[in-house]
Amino acid sequence: MPAVVIDTLFASWNGLSKELWEEIEGPFSREISQLIKKNGLVVGIHNCGHGIYFDSQIKFMEPDVISFAHLLDDCATPQEMKKRYGDQTTLVGYIPTPLLIDGTPKQIMEASREQIEVLAEGGGYILAPGCEYPPNIPLQSGFALVEAAKRYS
């Protein structure tokens, strides 16, 4: 299904306070998301900031998927994140880009296995890099992600 993904970096500790994001960007992001959905498209969010405000973004944007790189402002563990948000949106991520650049296929497979074990239970999880997949990442790293998804899903 076609999707529009919006980068919402300011909805994290790297950008604005949660209150300021809700005041300034929240209402506009709601309008944009509603228009996307009205046209029959999936609403996606990408936020590779630290301390992401999933609760605010879900409240304003009702995203179908959220791509992220780091834990949230209100969750200390991946288990807590899955419990709190796993039934509200599909989680996409969050294999660290530095691991994909410098890690061995074995390290990538292990990190992938750990995330799949915690986040894939009950559905609503897509294994992916936490941010972009830069051109300087070895191809073996991508193969390791695919193999981990096949092996541990």
N, C-alpha and C. Protein backbone atom coordinates (compact mmCIF):
# COMPACT_ATOMS: atom_id res chain seq x y z
N MET A 1 0.85 -1.17 0.00
CA MET A 1 0.00 0.00 0.00
C MET A 1 0.90 1.25 0.00
N PRO A 2 0.61 2.23 -0.80
CA PRO A 2 1.41 3.47 -0.84
C PRO A 2 1.38 4.20 0.51
N ALA A 3 2.48 4.83 0.81
CA ALA A 3 2.62 5.53 2.09
C ALA A 3 3.32 6.85 1.90
N VAL A 4 3.08 7.74 2.84
CA VAL A 4 3.84 8.98 2.95
C VAL A 4 4.49 8.94 4.33
N VAL A 5 5.81 9.11 4.36
CA VAL A 5 6.54 9.10 5.61
C VAL A 5 7.04 10.51 5.89
N ILE A 6 6.78 10.97 7.09
CA ILE A 6 7.15 12.32 7.51
C ILE A 6 8.27 12.22 8.54
N ASP A 7 9.32 12.99 8.34
CA ASP A 7 10.41 13.04 9.32
C ASP A 7 10.03 14.04 10.41
N THR A 8 9.94 13.54 11.64
CA THR A 8 9.47 14.37 12.75
C THR A 8 10.56 14.54 13.81
N LEU A 9 11.79 14.81 13.38
CA LEU A 9 12.92 14.90 14.31
C LEU A 9 12.67 15.87 15.46
N PHE A 10 11.93 16.94 15.22
CA PHE A 10 11.71 17.91 16.29
C PHE A 10 10.85 17.35 17.41
N ALA A 11 10.19 16.20 17.20
CA ALA A 11 9.39 15.56 18.23
C ALA A 11 10.27 14.61 19.04
N SER A 12 11.38 15.14 19.54
CA SER A 12 12.33 14.37 20.35
C SER A 12 13.20 15.34 21.15
N TRP A 13 13.99 14.76 22.05
CA TRP A 13 14.89 15.61 22.84
C TRP A 13 15.85 16.39 21.95
N ASN A 14 16.13 15.90 20.74
CA ASN A 14 17.01 16.60 19.81
C ASN A 14 16.39 17.86 19.25
N GLY A 15 15.08 18.00 19.38
CA GLY A 15 14.39 19.12 18.75
C GLY A 15 13.77 20.06 19.76
N LEU A 16 12.49 19.85 20.02
CA LEU A 16 11.72 20.73 20.89
C LEU A 16 11.29 19.98 22.14
N SER A 17 10.93 20.72 23.17
CA SER A 17 10.31 20.06 24.32
C SER A 17 8.99 19.46 23.84
N LYS A 18 8.50 18.47 24.55
CA LYS A 18 7.25 17.83 24.16
C LYS A 18 6.12 18.85 24.11
N GLU A 19 6.05 19.71 25.10
CA GLU A 19 4.98 20.71 25.16
C GLU A 19 5.04 21.66 23.98
N LEU A 20 6.24 22.10 23.62
CA LEU A 20 6.39 23.02 22.51
C LEU A 20 6.07 22.33 21.18
N TRP A 21 6.50 21.06 21.03
CA TRP A 21 6.17 20.34 19.81
C TRP A 21 4.66 20.21 19.67
N GLU A 22 3.98 19.86 20.76
CA GLU A 22 2.52 19.71 20.70
C GLU A 22 1.83 21.03 20.36
N GLU A 23 2.40 22.13 20.81
CA GLU A 23 1.80 23.44 20.54
C GLU A 23 2.08 23.91 19.11
N ILE A 24 3.33 23.74 18.66
CA ILE A 24 3.72 24.30 17.37
C ILE A 24 3.49 23.35 16.20
N GLU A 25 3.98 22.13 16.29
CA GLU A 25 3.91 21.20 15.17
C GLU A 25 2.73 20.24 15.24
N GLY A 26 2.29 19.92 16.44
CA GLY A 26 1.22 18.95 16.60
C GLY A 26 -0.01 19.22 15.75
N PRO A 27 -0.60 20.42 15.85
CA PRO A 27 -1.82 20.69 15.05
C PRO A 27 -1.59 20.58 13.54
N PHE A 28 -0.45 21.05 13.06
CA PHE A 28 -0.17 20.98 11.62
C PHE A 28 0.09 19.53 11.19
N SER A 29 0.79 18.77 12.04
CA SER A 29 1.05 17.38 11.70
C SER A 29 -0.26 16.59 11.67
N ARG A 30 -1.22 16.95 12.52
CA ARG A 30 -2.54 16.30 12.49
C ARG A 30 -3.22 16.56 11.14
N GLU A 31 -3.21 17.82 10.70
CA GLU A 31 -3.84 18.15 9.42
C GLU A 31 -3.20 17.40 8.27
N ILE A 32 -1.88 17.35 8.27
CA ILE A 32 -1.17 16.65 7.19
C ILE A 32 -1.51 15.16 7.22
N SER A 33 -1.49 14.56 8.40
CA SER A 33 -1.79 13.13 8.52
C SER A 33 -3.22 12.82 8.09
N GLN A 34 -4.16 13.65 8.48
CA GLN A 34 -5.55 13.43 8.09
C GLN A 34 -5.71 13.50 6.58
N LEU A 35 -5.01 14.43 5.95
CA LEU A 35 -5.08 14.56 4.49
C LEU A 35 -4.48 13.33 3.81
N ILE A 36 -3.37 12.84 4.34
CA ILE A 36 -2.75 11.64 3.79
C ILE A 36 -3.73 10.47 3.87
N LYS A 37 -4.33 10.28 5.05
CA LYS A 37 -5.27 9.17 5.24
C LYS A 37 -6.52 9.35 4.38
N LYS A 38 -6.99 10.59 4.25
CA LYS A 38 -8.17 10.87 3.43
C LYS A 38 -7.95 10.42 1.98
N ASN A 39 -6.70 10.46 1.55
CA ASN A 39 -6.36 10.05 0.19
C ASN A 39 -5.99 8.58 0.10
N GLY A 40 -6.28 7.83 1.16
CA GLY A 40 -6.11 6.38 1.13
C GLY A 40 -4.68 5.89 1.28
N LEU A 41 -3.82 6.72 1.84
CA LEU A 41 -2.42 6.33 1.99
C LEU A 41 -2.10 6.01 3.44
N VAL A 42 -1.04 5.27 3.63
CA VAL A 42 -0.51 4.94 4.95
C VAL A 42 0.29 6.13 5.46
N VAL A 43 0.13 6.44 6.75
CA VAL A 43 0.91 7.51 7.38
C VAL A 43 2.08 6.87 8.12
N GLY A 44 3.27 7.28 7.73
CA GLY A 44 4.47 6.81 8.42
C GLY A 44 5.23 7.98 9.01
N ILE A 45 5.93 7.69 10.08
CA ILE A 45 6.79 8.68 10.73
C ILE A 45 8.20 8.10 10.77
N HIS A 46 9.19 8.95 10.51
CA HIS A 46 10.58 8.57 10.77
C HIS A 46 11.14 9.59 11.74
N ASN A 47 11.73 9.09 12.82
CA ASN A 47 12.34 9.97 13.81
C ASN A 47 13.56 9.26 14.38
N CYS A 48 14.74 9.73 14.01
CA CYS A 48 15.96 9.11 14.51
C CYS A 48 16.58 9.92 15.66
N GLY A 49 15.76 10.76 16.29
CA GLY A 49 16.24 11.53 17.44
C GLY A 49 16.28 10.70 18.70
N HIS A 50 16.85 11.26 19.72
CA HIS A 50 16.90 10.63 21.04
C HIS A 50 15.69 11.08 21.84
N GLY A 51 15.12 10.17 22.64
CA GLY A 51 13.99 10.52 23.47
C GLY A 51 12.78 10.93 22.65
N ILE A 52 12.37 10.09 21.73
CA ILE A 52 11.27 10.39 20.82
C ILE A 52 9.95 10.44 21.58
N TYR A 53 9.07 11.32 21.16
CA TYR A 53 7.76 11.48 21.79
C TYR A 53 6.71 10.65 21.05
N PHE A 54 6.76 9.34 21.19
CA PHE A 54 5.77 8.49 20.52
C PHE A 54 4.36 8.88 20.93
N ASP A 55 4.15 9.11 22.24
CA ASP A 55 2.80 9.40 22.73
C ASP A 55 2.21 10.63 22.05
N SER A 56 2.98 11.68 21.92
CA SER A 56 2.50 12.91 21.28
C SER A 56 2.26 12.70 19.78
N GLN A 57 3.19 12.02 19.13
CA GLN A 57 3.04 11.80 17.70
C GLN A 57 1.84 10.91 17.39
N ILE A 58 1.62 9.90 18.21
CA ILE A 58 0.46 9.04 18.02
C ILE A 58 -0.82 9.83 18.26
N LYS A 59 -0.83 10.65 19.29
CA LYS A 59 -2.02 11.47 19.60
C LYS A 59 -2.38 12.40 18.44
N PHE A 60 -1.39 13.04 17.87
CA PHE A 60 -1.66 14.03 16.82
C PHE A 60 -1.75 13.42 15.42
N MET A 61 -0.96 12.39 15.14
CA MET A 61 -0.82 11.93 13.76
C MET A 61 -1.46 10.57 13.49
N GLU A 62 -1.70 9.78 14.51
CA GLU A 62 -2.24 8.43 14.35
C GLU A 62 -1.50 7.66 13.25
N PRO A 63 -0.17 7.55 13.38
CA PRO A 63 0.60 6.90 12.31
C PRO A 63 0.37 5.40 12.26
N ASP A 64 0.47 4.87 11.07
CA ASP A 64 0.38 3.42 10.89
C ASP A 64 1.70 2.76 11.24
N VAL A 65 2.81 3.46 10.97
CA VAL A 65 4.15 2.95 11.26
C VAL A 65 5.02 4.09 11.78
N ILE A 66 5.96 3.73 12.67
CA ILE A 66 6.96 4.70 13.13
C ILE A 66 8.33 4.05 13.03
N SER A 67 9.19 4.67 12.26
CA SER A 67 10.59 4.27 12.12
C SER A 67 11.40 5.08 13.12
N PHE A 68 12.23 4.40 13.90
CA PHE A 68 12.97 5.09 14.97
C PHE A 68 14.35 4.48 15.14
N ALA A 69 15.23 5.24 15.80
CA ALA A 69 16.61 4.79 15.99
C ALA A 69 16.98 4.59 17.45
N HIS A 70 16.24 5.21 18.36
CA HIS A 70 16.59 5.18 19.78
C HIS A 70 15.34 4.97 20.62
N LEU A 71 15.55 4.61 21.86
CA LEU A 71 14.41 4.44 22.76
C LEU A 71 13.70 5.77 22.98
N LEU A 72 12.50 5.67 23.51
CA LEU A 72 11.60 6.80 23.64
C LEU A 72 11.84 7.58 24.92
N ASP A 73 11.21 8.74 25.00
CA ASP A 73 11.35 9.57 26.19
C ASP A 73 10.69 8.94 27.41
N ASP A 74 9.72 8.07 27.20
CA ASP A 74 8.95 7.51 28.32
C ASP A 74 9.10 6.00 28.45
N CYS A 75 10.13 5.42 27.82
CA CYS A 75 10.36 3.97 27.93
C CYS A 75 11.85 3.72 28.16
N ALA A 76 12.14 2.94 29.19
CA ALA A 76 13.53 2.65 29.52
C ALA A 76 14.07 1.41 28.81
N THR A 77 13.17 0.57 28.32
CA THR A 77 13.59 -0.69 27.68
C THR A 77 12.75 -0.95 26.43
N PRO A 78 13.27 -1.78 25.53
CA PRO A 78 12.46 -2.17 24.37
C PRO A 78 11.18 -2.91 24.79
N GLN A 79 11.27 -3.69 25.86
CA GLN A 79 10.09 -4.42 26.34
C GLN A 79 8.99 -3.44 26.75
N GLU A 80 9.36 -2.40 27.45
CA GLU A 80 8.39 -1.39 27.87
C GLU A 80 7.78 -0.69 26.65
N MET A 81 8.62 -0.40 25.66
CA MET A 81 8.15 0.25 24.44
C MET A 81 7.12 -0.63 23.72
N LYS A 82 7.43 -1.92 23.59
CA LYS A 82 6.52 -2.84 22.91
C LYS A 82 5.20 -2.93 23.67
N LYS A 83 5.28 -3.02 24.98
CA LYS A 83 4.07 -3.13 25.80
C LYS A 83 3.21 -1.86 25.69
N ARG A 84 3.85 -0.72 25.72
CA ARG A 84 3.13 0.55 25.72
C ARG A 84 2.59 0.93 24.34
N TYR A 85 3.36 0.68 23.28
CA TYR A 85 2.99 1.19 21.96
C TYR A 85 2.79 0.13 20.88
N GLY A 86 3.11 -1.11 21.18
CA GLY A 86 3.06 -2.17 20.18
C GLY A 86 1.69 -2.44 19.59
N ASP A 87 0.64 -2.05 20.30
CA ASP A 87 -0.71 -2.26 19.76
C ASP A 87 -1.29 -0.98 19.15
N GLN A 88 -0.51 0.10 19.15
CA GLN A 88 -0.99 1.38 18.62
C GLN A 88 -0.43 1.71 17.25
N THR A 89 0.73 1.16 16.93
CA THR A 89 1.39 1.44 15.65
C THR A 89 2.37 0.32 15.35
N THR A 90 2.81 0.22 14.11
CA THR A 90 3.85 -0.74 13.76
C THR A 90 5.20 -0.10 14.01
N LEU A 91 6.04 -0.79 14.76
CA LEU A 91 7.38 -0.31 15.09
C LEU A 91 8.34 -0.73 13.98
N VAL A 92 9.14 0.22 13.49
CA VAL A 92 10.08 -0.04 12.41
C VAL A 92 11.47 0.39 12.86
N GLY A 93 12.36 -0.55 13.00
CA GLY A 93 13.72 -0.21 13.40
C GLY A 93 14.30 -1.34 14.22
N TYR A 94 15.19 -1.11 15.03
CA TYR A 94 16.02 0.04 15.17
C TYR A 94 17.47 -0.40 15.31
N ILE A 95 17.88 -1.17 14.28
CA ILE A 95 19.28 -1.62 14.23
C ILE A 95 20.17 -0.39 14.00
N PRO A 96 21.14 -0.17 14.88
CA PRO A 96 21.98 1.05 14.77
C PRO A 96 22.78 1.11 13.47
N THR A 97 22.74 2.24 12.83
CA THR A 97 23.51 2.44 11.60
C THR A 97 25.00 2.19 11.82
N PRO A 98 25.63 2.67 12.94
CA PRO A 98 27.05 2.37 13.14
C PRO A 98 27.35 0.87 13.19
N LEU A 99 26.41 0.09 13.74
CA LEU A 99 26.61 -1.37 13.75
C LEU A 99 26.61 -1.91 12.33
N LEU A 100 25.74 -1.38 11.49
CA LEU A 100 25.68 -1.84 10.10
C LEU A 100 26.95 -1.45 9.33
N ILE A 101 27.55 -0.35 9.71
CA ILE A 101 28.78 0.11 9.03
C ILE A 101 29.99 -0.69 9.51
N ASP A 102 30.14 -0.83 10.82
CA ASP A 102 31.36 -1.40 11.39
C ASP A 102 31.22 -2.81 11.96
N GLY A 103 30.00 -3.27 12.16
CA GLY A 103 29.79 -4.58 12.78
C GLY A 103 30.00 -5.73 11.82
N THR A 104 30.20 -6.88 12.40
CA THR A 104 30.32 -8.10 11.60
C THR A 104 28.91 -8.62 11.33
N PRO A 105 28.75 -9.45 10.30
CA PRO A 105 27.44 -10.07 10.08
C PRO A 105 26.92 -10.79 11.32
N LYS A 106 27.81 -11.45 12.06
CA LYS A 106 27.40 -12.15 13.28
C LYS A 106 26.85 -11.16 14.32
N GLN A 107 27.50 -10.02 14.50
CA GLN A 107 27.01 -9.00 15.45
C GLN A 107 25.66 -8.45 15.00
N ILE A 108 25.50 -8.22 13.72
CA ILE A 108 24.23 -7.70 13.19
C ILE A 108 23.12 -8.73 13.38
N MET A 109 23.44 -9.99 13.11
CA MET A 109 22.45 -11.06 13.31
C MET A 109 22.04 -11.14 14.77
N GLU A 110 22.98 -11.01 15.69
CA GLU A 110 22.67 -11.09 17.11
C GLU A 110 21.80 -9.93 17.55
N ALA A 111 22.14 -8.71 17.14
CA ALA A 111 21.32 -7.54 17.49
C ALA A 111 19.92 -7.68 16.89
N SER A 112 19.85 -8.19 15.69
CA SER A 112 18.55 -8.40 15.03
C SER A 112 17.73 -9.44 15.78
N ARG A 113 18.37 -10.53 16.17
CA ARG A 113 17.67 -11.58 16.93
C ARG A 113 17.10 -11.02 18.23
N GLU A 114 17.91 -10.22 18.94
CA GLU A 114 17.45 -9.64 20.20
C GLU A 114 16.23 -8.75 19.99
N GLN A 115 16.26 -7.93 18.95
CA GLN A 115 15.13 -7.05 18.69
C GLN A 115 13.90 -7.84 18.25
N ILE A 116 14.08 -8.82 17.40
CA ILE A 116 12.95 -9.64 16.94
C ILE A 116 12.30 -10.35 18.12
N GLU A 117 13.11 -10.91 19.02
CA GLU A 117 12.56 -11.62 20.18
C GLU A 117 11.67 -10.73 21.03
N VAL A 118 12.04 -9.47 21.18
CA VAL A 118 11.28 -8.56 22.04
C VAL A 118 10.15 -7.87 21.28
N LEU A 119 10.42 -7.42 20.08
CA LEU A 119 9.48 -6.53 19.40
C LEU A 119 8.53 -7.22 18.42
N ALA A 120 8.86 -8.40 17.96
CA ALA A 120 8.03 -9.03 16.93
C ALA A 120 6.86 -9.84 17.49
N GLU A 121 6.92 -10.18 18.77
CA GLU A 121 5.85 -11.01 19.35
C GLU A 121 4.49 -10.34 19.17
N GLY A 122 3.56 -11.07 18.60
CA GLY A 122 2.22 -10.52 18.39
C GLY A 122 2.11 -9.65 17.15
N GLY A 123 3.17 -9.53 16.37
CA GLY A 123 3.14 -8.71 15.16
C GLY A 123 3.43 -7.25 15.44
N GLY A 124 3.32 -6.43 14.41
CA GLY A 124 3.52 -5.00 14.56
C GLY A 124 4.97 -4.57 14.66
N TYR A 125 5.87 -5.33 14.01
CA TYR A 125 7.29 -4.95 14.03
C TYR A 125 7.90 -5.26 12.67
N ILE A 126 8.72 -4.34 12.18
CA ILE A 126 9.48 -4.52 10.95
C ILE A 126 10.95 -4.28 11.29
N LEU A 127 11.77 -5.29 11.09
CA LEU A 127 13.21 -5.17 11.32
C LEU A 127 13.79 -4.24 10.26
N ALA A 128 14.53 -3.24 10.70
CA ALA A 128 15.10 -2.26 9.76
C ALA A 128 16.20 -1.47 10.47
N PRO A 129 17.03 -0.79 9.69
CA PRO A 129 17.97 0.15 10.30
C PRO A 129 17.21 1.25 11.04
N GLY A 130 17.83 1.81 12.06
CA GLY A 130 17.21 2.89 12.81
C GLY A 130 17.14 4.19 12.02
N CYS A 131 17.98 4.32 11.04
CA CYS A 131 17.96 5.51 10.19
C CYS A 131 18.21 5.03 8.76
N GLU A 132 18.76 5.90 7.94
CA GLU A 132 18.94 5.51 6.55
C GLU A 132 19.96 4.38 6.42
N TYR A 133 19.96 3.78 5.27
CA TYR A 133 20.93 2.75 4.94
C TYR A 133 21.94 3.41 3.99
N PRO A 134 23.00 4.01 4.56
CA PRO A 134 23.95 4.78 3.73
C PRO A 134 24.68 3.92 2.71
N PRO A 135 25.17 4.54 1.67
CA PRO A 135 25.84 3.81 0.60
C PRO A 135 27.16 3.18 1.03
N ASN A 136 27.72 3.60 2.16
CA ASN A 136 29.02 3.04 2.58
C ASN A 136 28.88 1.80 3.45
N ILE A 137 27.68 1.29 3.64
CA ILE A 137 27.50 0.08 4.43
C ILE A 137 27.83 -1.13 3.56
N PRO A 138 28.62 -2.05 4.10
CA PRO A 138 28.94 -3.26 3.32
C PRO A 138 27.67 -4.05 2.98
N LEU A 139 27.63 -4.59 1.81
CA LEU A 139 26.49 -5.37 1.35
C LEU A 139 26.22 -6.56 2.28
N GLN A 140 27.27 -7.12 2.88
CA GLN A 140 27.10 -8.24 3.81
C GLN A 140 26.22 -7.86 4.99
N SER A 141 26.24 -6.58 5.37
CA SER A 141 25.39 -6.13 6.48
C SER A 141 23.92 -6.24 6.11
N GLY A 142 23.58 -5.86 4.90
CA GLY A 142 22.21 -6.00 4.43
C GLY A 142 21.79 -7.45 4.35
N PHE A 143 22.70 -8.30 3.87
CA PHE A 143 22.41 -9.74 3.81
C PHE A 143 22.18 -10.30 5.21
N ALA A 144 22.94 -9.79 6.20
CA ALA A 144 22.78 -10.27 7.58
C ALA A 144 21.40 -9.88 8.12
N LEU A 145 20.92 -8.68 7.80
CA LEU A 145 19.57 -8.28 8.23
C LEU A 145 18.52 -9.20 7.62
N VAL A 146 18.63 -9.46 6.35
CA VAL A 146 17.65 -10.32 5.67
C VAL A 146 17.70 -11.73 6.25
N GLU A 147 18.88 -12.26 6.45
CA GLU A 147 19.02 -13.60 7.02
C GLU A 147 18.43 -13.65 8.43
N ALA A 148 18.68 -12.63 9.24
CA ALA A 148 18.13 -12.60 10.60
C ALA A 148 16.60 -12.58 10.57
N ALA A 149 16.04 -11.80 9.66
CA ALA A 149 14.58 -11.74 9.55
C ALA A 149 14.02 -13.11 9.17
N LYS A 150 14.68 -13.80 8.27
CA LYS A 150 14.22 -15.15 7.86
C LYS A 150 14.38 -16.14 9.02
N ARG A 151 15.51 -16.08 9.68
CA ARG A 151 15.84 -17.08 10.68
C ARG A 151 15.07 -16.91 11.99
N TYR A 152 14.85 -15.67 12.42
CA TYR A 152 14.32 -15.44 13.77
C TYR A 152 12.86 -14.97 13.81
N SER A 153 12.26 -14.78 12.66
CA SER A 153 10.86 -14.34 12.65
C SER A 153 9.91 -15.50 12.76
